[in-house]
PDB file of N, CA and C in Angstrom:
ATOM      1  N   UNK A   1       0.851  -1.170   0.000  1.00  0.00           N
ATOM      2  CA  UNK A   1       0.000   0.000   0.000  1.00  0.00           C
ATOM      3  C   UNK A   1       0.896   1.233   0.000  1.00  0.00           C
ATOM      4  N   UNK A   2       0.624   2.129  -0.846  1.00  0.00           N
ATOM      5  CA  UNK A   2       1.398   3.380  -0.892  1.00  0.00           C
ATOM      6  C   UNK A   2       0.875   4.358   0.159  1.00  0.00           C
ATOM      7  N   UNK A   3       1.791   5.093   0.771  1.00  0.00           N
ATOM      8  CA  UNK A   3       1.419   6.037   1.841  1.00  0.00           C
ATOM      9  C   UNK A   3       0.400   7.072   1.381  1.00  0.00           C
ATOM     10  N   UNK A   4       0.478   7.502   0.136  1.00  0.00           N
ATOM     11  CA  UNK A   4      -0.436   8.545  -0.335  1.00  0.00           C
ATOM     12  C   UNK A   4      -1.896   8.079  -0.344  1.00  0.00           C
ATOM     13  N   UNK A   5      -2.134   6.766  -0.334  1.00  0.00           N
ATOM     14  CA  UNK A   5      -3.509   6.262  -0.266  1.00  0.00           C
ATOM     15  C   UNK A   5      -4.177   6.591   1.065  1.00  0.00           C
ATOM     16  N   UNK A   6      -3.378   6.780   2.099  1.00  0.00           N
ATOM     17  CA  UNK A   6      -3.938   7.100   3.415  1.00  0.00           C
ATOM     18  C   UNK A   6      -4.770   8.387   3.368  1.00  0.00           C
ATOM     19  N   UNK A   7      -4.429   9.288   2.468  1.00  0.00           N
ATOM     20  CA  UNK A   7      -5.168  10.547   2.331  1.00  0.00           C
ATOM     21  C   UNK A   7      -6.590  10.352   1.803  1.00  0.00           C
ATOM     22  N   UNK A   8      -6.822   9.262   1.069  1.00  0.00           N
ATOM     23  CA  UNK A   8      -8.148   9.068   0.468  1.00  0.00           C
ATOM     24  C   UNK A   8      -8.939   7.923   1.099  1.00  0.00           C
ATOM     25  N   UNK A   9      -8.284   7.103   1.917  1.00  0.00           N
ATOM     26  CA  UNK A   9      -8.988   5.992   2.568  1.00  0.00           C
ATOM     27  C   UNK A   9      -9.723   6.462   3.813  1.00  0.00           C
ATOM     28  N   UNK A  10     -10.842   5.812   4.101  1.00  0.00           N
ATOM     29  CA  UNK A  10     -11.555   6.067   5.350  1.00  0.00           C
ATOM     30  C   UNK A  10     -12.100   4.739   5.865  1.00  0.00           C
ATOM     31  N   UNK A  11     -12.525   4.729   7.084  1.00  0.00           N
ATOM     32  CA  UNK A  11     -13.089   3.533   7.698  1.00  0.00           C
ATOM     33  C   UNK A  11     -14.386   3.163   6.978  1.00  0.00           C
ATOM     34  N   UNK A  12     -14.511   1.917   6.512  1.00  0.00           N
ATOM     35  CA  UNK A  12     -15.745   1.515   5.837  1.00  0.00           C
ATOM     36  C   UNK A  12     -16.932   1.361   6.791  1.00  0.00           C
ATOM     37  N   UNK A  13     -16.666   1.298   8.086  1.00  0.00           N
ATOM     38  CA  UNK A  13     -17.741   1.142   9.071  1.00  0.00           C
ATOM     39  C   UNK A  13     -18.369   2.488   9.406  1.00  0.00           C
ATOM     40  N   UNK A  14     -17.517   3.482   9.772  1.00  0.00           N
ATOM     41  CA  UNK A  14     -18.060   4.762  10.247  1.00  0.00           C
ATOM     42  C   UNK A  14     -17.601   5.973   9.425  1.00  0.00           C
ATOM     43  N   UNK A  15     -16.761   5.737   8.434  1.00  0.00           N
ATOM     44  CA  UNK A  15     -16.208   6.800   7.561  1.00  0.00           C
ATOM     45  C   UNK A  15     -15.216   7.706   8.282  1.00  0.00           C
ATOM     46  N   UNK A  16     -14.692   7.248   9.424  1.00  0.00           N
ATOM     47  CA  UNK A  16     -13.699   8.014  10.172  1.00  0.00           C
ATOM     48  C   UNK A  16     -12.316   7.950   9.533  1.00  0.00           C
ATOM     49  N   UNK A  17     -11.415   8.817   9.994  1.00  0.00           N
ATOM     50  CA  UNK A  17     -10.031   8.837   9.513  1.00  0.00           C
ATOM     51  C   UNK A  17      -9.284   7.622  10.024  1.00  0.00           C
ATOM     52  N   UNK A  18      -8.322   7.154   9.228  1.00  0.00           N
ATOM     53  CA  UNK A  18      -7.524   6.000   9.596  1.00  0.00           C
ATOM     54  C   UNK A  18      -6.116   6.422   9.992  1.00  0.00           C
ATOM     55  N   UNK A  19      -5.620   5.826  11.074  1.00  0.00           N
ATOM     56  CA  UNK A  19      -4.235   5.996  11.479  1.00  0.00           C
ATOM     57  C   UNK A  19      -3.433   4.812  10.972  1.00  0.00           C
ATOM     58  N   UNK A  20      -2.135   4.971  10.862  1.00  0.00           N
ATOM     59  CA  UNK A  20      -1.279   3.938  10.293  1.00  0.00           C
ATOM     60  C   UNK A  20      -0.208   3.520  11.272  1.00  0.00           C
ATOM     61  N   UNK A  21      -0.047   2.218  11.444  1.00  0.00           N
ATOM     62  CA  UNK A  21       1.047   1.641  12.213  1.00  0.00           C
ATOM     63  C   UNK A  21       1.805   0.720  11.258  1.00  0.00           C
ATOM     64  N   UNK A  22       3.068   1.048  10.980  1.00  0.00           N
ATOM     65  CA  UNK A  22       3.852   0.317   9.988  1.00  0.00           C
ATOM     66  C   UNK A  22       4.675  -0.763  10.665  1.00  0.00           C
ATOM     67  N   UNK A  23       4.587  -1.976  10.133  1.00  0.00           N
ATOM     68  CA  UNK A  23       5.410  -3.077  10.599  1.00  0.00           C
ATOM     69  C   UNK A  23       6.623  -3.275   9.705  1.00  0.00           C
ATOM     70  N   UNK A  24       6.410  -3.170   8.394  1.00  0.00           N
ATOM     71  CA  UNK A  24       7.485  -3.337   7.411  1.00  0.00           C
ATOM     72  C   UNK A  24       7.153  -2.514   6.172  1.00  0.00           C
ATOM     73  N   UNK A  25       8.156  -1.849   5.639  1.00  0.00           N
ATOM     74  CA  UNK A  25       7.965  -1.098   4.402  1.00  0.00           C
ATOM     75  C   UNK A  25       9.255  -1.082   3.610  1.00  0.00           C
ATOM     76  N   UNK A  26       9.142  -0.801   2.329  1.00  0.00           N
ATOM     77  CA  UNK A  26      10.317  -0.588   1.490  1.00  0.00           C
ATOM     78  C   UNK A  26      10.252   0.834   0.957  1.00  0.00           C
ATOM     79  N   UNK A  27      11.076   1.156  -0.011  1.00  0.00           N
ATOM     80  CA  UNK A  27      11.108   2.538  -0.498  1.00  0.00           C
ATOM     81  C   UNK A  27       9.859   2.930  -1.280  1.00  0.00           C
ATOM     82  N   UNK A  28       9.027   1.962  -1.651  1.00  0.00           N
ATOM     83  CA  UNK A  28       7.847   2.255  -2.464  1.00  0.00           C
ATOM     84  C   UNK A  28       6.522   2.136  -1.715  1.00  0.00           C
ATOM     85  N   UNK A  29       6.435   1.183  -0.782  1.00  0.00           N
ATOM     86  CA  UNK A  29       5.137   0.935  -0.176  1.00  0.00           C
ATOM     87  C   UNK A  29       5.247   0.295   1.202  1.00  0.00           C
ATOM     88  N   UNK A  30       4.127   0.303   1.905  1.00  0.00           N
ATOM     89  CA  UNK A  30       4.005  -0.358   3.200  1.00  0.00           C
ATOM     90  C   UNK A  30       3.624  -1.803   2.923  1.00  0.00           C
ATOM     91  N   UNK A  31       4.431  -2.728   3.419  1.00  0.00           N
ATOM     92  CA  UNK A  31       4.201  -4.142   3.155  1.00  0.00           C
ATOM     93  C   UNK A  31       3.373  -4.806   4.250  1.00  0.00           C
ATOM     94  N   UNK A  32       3.636  -4.461   5.494  1.00  0.00           N
ATOM     95  CA  UNK A  32       2.929  -5.037   6.633  1.00  0.00           C
ATOM     96  C   UNK A  32       2.592  -3.915   7.611  1.00  0.00           C
ATOM     97  N   UNK A  33       1.431  -3.991   8.226  1.00  0.00           N
ATOM     98  CA  UNK A  33       1.050  -2.974   9.193  1.00  0.00           C
ATOM     99  C   UNK A  33      -0.428  -3.047   9.510  1.00  0.00           C
ATOM    100  N   UNK A  34      -0.913  -1.982  10.118  1.00  0.00           N
ATOM    101  CA  UNK A  34      -2.319  -1.920  10.527  1.00  0.00           C
ATOM    102  C   UNK A  34      -2.845  -0.512  10.276  1.00  0.00           C
ATOM    103  N   UNK A  35      -4.033  -0.440   9.702  1.00  0.00           N
ATOM    104  CA  UNK A  35      -4.788   0.810   9.622  1.00  0.00           C
ATOM    105  C   UNK A  35      -5.808   0.748  10.753  1.00  0.00           C
ATOM    106  N   UNK A  36      -5.887   1.786  11.558  1.00  0.00           N
ATOM    107  CA  UNK A  36      -6.810   1.803  12.688  1.00  0.00           C
ATOM    108  C   UNK A  36      -7.699   3.034  12.603  1.00  0.00           C
ATOM    109  N   UNK A  37      -9.003   2.818  12.752  1.00  0.00           N
ATOM    110  CA  UNK A  37      -9.941   3.933  12.718  1.00  0.00           C
ATOM    111  C   UNK A  37      -9.795   4.748  13.994  1.00  0.00           C
ATOM    112  N   UNK A  38      -9.624   6.050  13.824  1.00  0.00           N
ATOM    113  CA  UNK A  38      -9.484   6.956  14.966  1.00  0.00           C
ATOM    114  C   UNK A  38     -10.816   7.217  15.647  1.00  0.00           C
ATOM    115  N   UNK A  39     -11.923   6.927  14.957  1.00  0.00           N
ATOM    116  CA  UNK A  39     -13.251   7.213  15.496  1.00  0.00           C
ATOM    117  C   UNK A  39     -13.872   5.998  16.199  1.00  0.00           C
ATOM    118  N   UNK A  40     -13.929   4.853  15.518  1.00  0.00           N
ATOM    119  CA  UNK A  40     -14.603   3.688  16.106  1.00  0.00           C
ATOM    120  C   UNK A  40     -13.639   2.613  16.607  1.00  0.00           C
ATOM    121  N   UNK A  41     -12.347   2.757  16.301  1.00  0.00           N
ATOM    122  CA  UNK A  41     -11.346   1.847  16.842  1.00  0.00           C
ATOM    123  C   UNK A  41     -11.179   0.517  16.120  1.00  0.00           C
ATOM    124  N   UNK A  42     -11.810   0.319  14.974  1.00  0.00           N
ATOM    125  CA  UNK A  42     -11.666  -0.931  14.236  1.00  0.00           C
ATOM    126  C   UNK A  42     -10.296  -0.955  13.550  1.00  0.00           C
ATOM    127  N   UNK A  43      -9.615  -2.109  13.606  1.00  0.00           N
ATOM    128  CA  UNK A  43      -8.316  -2.278  12.967  1.00  0.00           C
ATOM    129  C   UNK A  43      -8.455  -3.035  11.655  1.00  0.00           C
ATOM    130  N   UNK A  44      -7.649  -2.636  10.672  1.00  0.00           N
ATOM    131  CA  UNK A  44      -7.622  -3.279   9.366  1.00  0.00           C
ATOM    132  C   UNK A  44      -6.169  -3.623   9.044  1.00  0.00           C
ATOM    133  N   UNK A  45      -5.861  -4.908   8.868  1.00  0.00           N
ATOM    134  CA  UNK A  45      -4.471  -5.293   8.623  1.00  0.00           C
ATOM    135  C   UNK A  45      -4.016  -4.980   7.199  1.00  0.00           C
ATOM    136  N   UNK A  46      -2.720  -4.751   7.067  1.00  0.00           N
ATOM    137  CA  UNK A  46      -2.069  -4.636   5.762  1.00  0.00           C
ATOM    138  C   UNK A  46      -1.128  -5.830   5.678  1.00  0.00           C
ATOM    139  N   UNK A  47      -1.313  -6.676   4.673  1.00  0.00           N
ATOM    140  CA  UNK A  47      -0.488  -7.873   4.523  1.00  0.00           C
ATOM    141  C   UNK A  47      -0.005  -7.960   3.080  1.00  0.00           C
ATOM    142  N   UNK A  48       1.303  -8.090   2.921  1.00  0.00           N
ATOM    143  CA  UNK A  48       1.931  -8.134   1.591  1.00  0.00           C
ATOM    144  C   UNK A  48       1.524  -6.939   0.738  1.00  0.00           C
ATOM    145  N   UNK A  49       1.393  -5.776   1.376  1.00  0.00           N
ATOM    146  CA  UNK A  49       1.095  -4.533   0.662  1.00  0.00           C
ATOM    147  C   UNK A  49      -0.367  -4.292   0.373  1.00  0.00           C
ATOM    148  N   UNK A  50      -1.245  -5.190   0.825  1.00  0.00           N
ATOM    149  CA  UNK A  50      -2.672  -5.069   0.515  1.00  0.00           C
ATOM    150  C   UNK A  50      -3.463  -4.822   1.794  1.00  0.00           C
ATOM    151  N   UNK A  51      -4.143  -3.671   1.893  1.00  0.00           N
ATOM    152  CA  UNK A  51      -4.983  -3.434   3.075  1.00  0.00           C
ATOM    153  C   UNK A  51      -6.293  -4.216   2.972  1.00  0.00           C
ATOM    154  N   UNK A  52      -6.679  -4.865   4.047  1.00  0.00           N
ATOM    155  CA  UNK A  52      -7.948  -5.598   4.101  1.00  0.00           C
ATOM    156  C   UNK A  52      -8.952  -4.704   4.817  1.00  0.00           C
ATOM    157  N   UNK A  53      -9.796  -4.028   4.054  1.00  0.00           N
ATOM    158  CA  UNK A  53     -10.742  -3.072   4.616  1.00  0.00           C
ATOM    159  C   UNK A  53     -12.136  -3.645   4.806  1.00  0.00           C
ATOM    160  N   UNK A  54     -12.237  -4.960   4.799  1.00  0.00           N
ATOM    161  CA  UNK A  54     -13.533  -5.568   5.087  1.00  0.00           C
ATOM    162  C   UNK A  54     -13.765  -5.571   6.595  1.00  0.00           C
ATOM    163  N   UNK A  55     -14.942  -5.193   7.047  1.00  0.00           N
ATOM    164  CA  UNK A  55     -15.235  -5.297   8.479  1.00  0.00           C
ATOM    165  C   UNK A  55     -15.083  -6.740   8.923  1.00  0.00           C
ATOM    166  N   UNK A  56     -14.680  -6.954  10.188  1.00  0.00           N
ATOM    167  CA  UNK A  56     -14.380  -8.287  10.696  1.00  0.00           C
ATOM    168  C   UNK A  56     -15.542  -9.257  10.509  1.00  0.00           C
ATOM    169  N   UNK A  57     -16.761  -8.815  10.630  1.00  0.00           N
ATOM    170  CA  UNK A  57     -17.882  -9.728  10.481  1.00  0.00           C
ATOM    171  C   UNK A  57     -18.100 -10.162   9.027  1.00  0.00           C
ATOM    172  N   UNK A  58     -17.400  -9.524   8.068  1.00  0.00           N
ATOM    173  CA  UNK A  58     -17.498  -9.912   6.666  1.00  0.00           C
ATOM    174  C   UNK A  58     -16.267 -10.647   6.162  1.00  0.00           C
ATOM    175  N   UNK A  59     -15.175 -10.673   6.963  1.00  0.00           N
ATOM    176  CA  UNK A  59     -13.965 -11.377   6.546  1.00  0.00           C
ATOM    177  C   UNK A  59     -14.253 -12.871   6.406  1.00  0.00           C
ATOM    178  N   UNK A  60     -13.741 -13.437   5.336  1.00  0.00           N
ATOM    179  CA  UNK A  60     -13.950 -14.874   5.087  1.00  0.00           C
ATOM    180  C   UNK A  60     -12.700 -15.644   5.435  1.00  0.00           C
TER     181      UNK A  60
END
């Protein structure tokens, strides 16, 4: 996930702003980490550069 996407992403549950916690990144993108909603507190993992923005009750 590229850092500039954080400017346009929002929480799919409440539309709140997302904070970023980086676990691993390279010069181009964030490879591992967590996006966390500042409003409702839901966490969304980033794995292999792909953010999973599905609410937990919809994750398969």
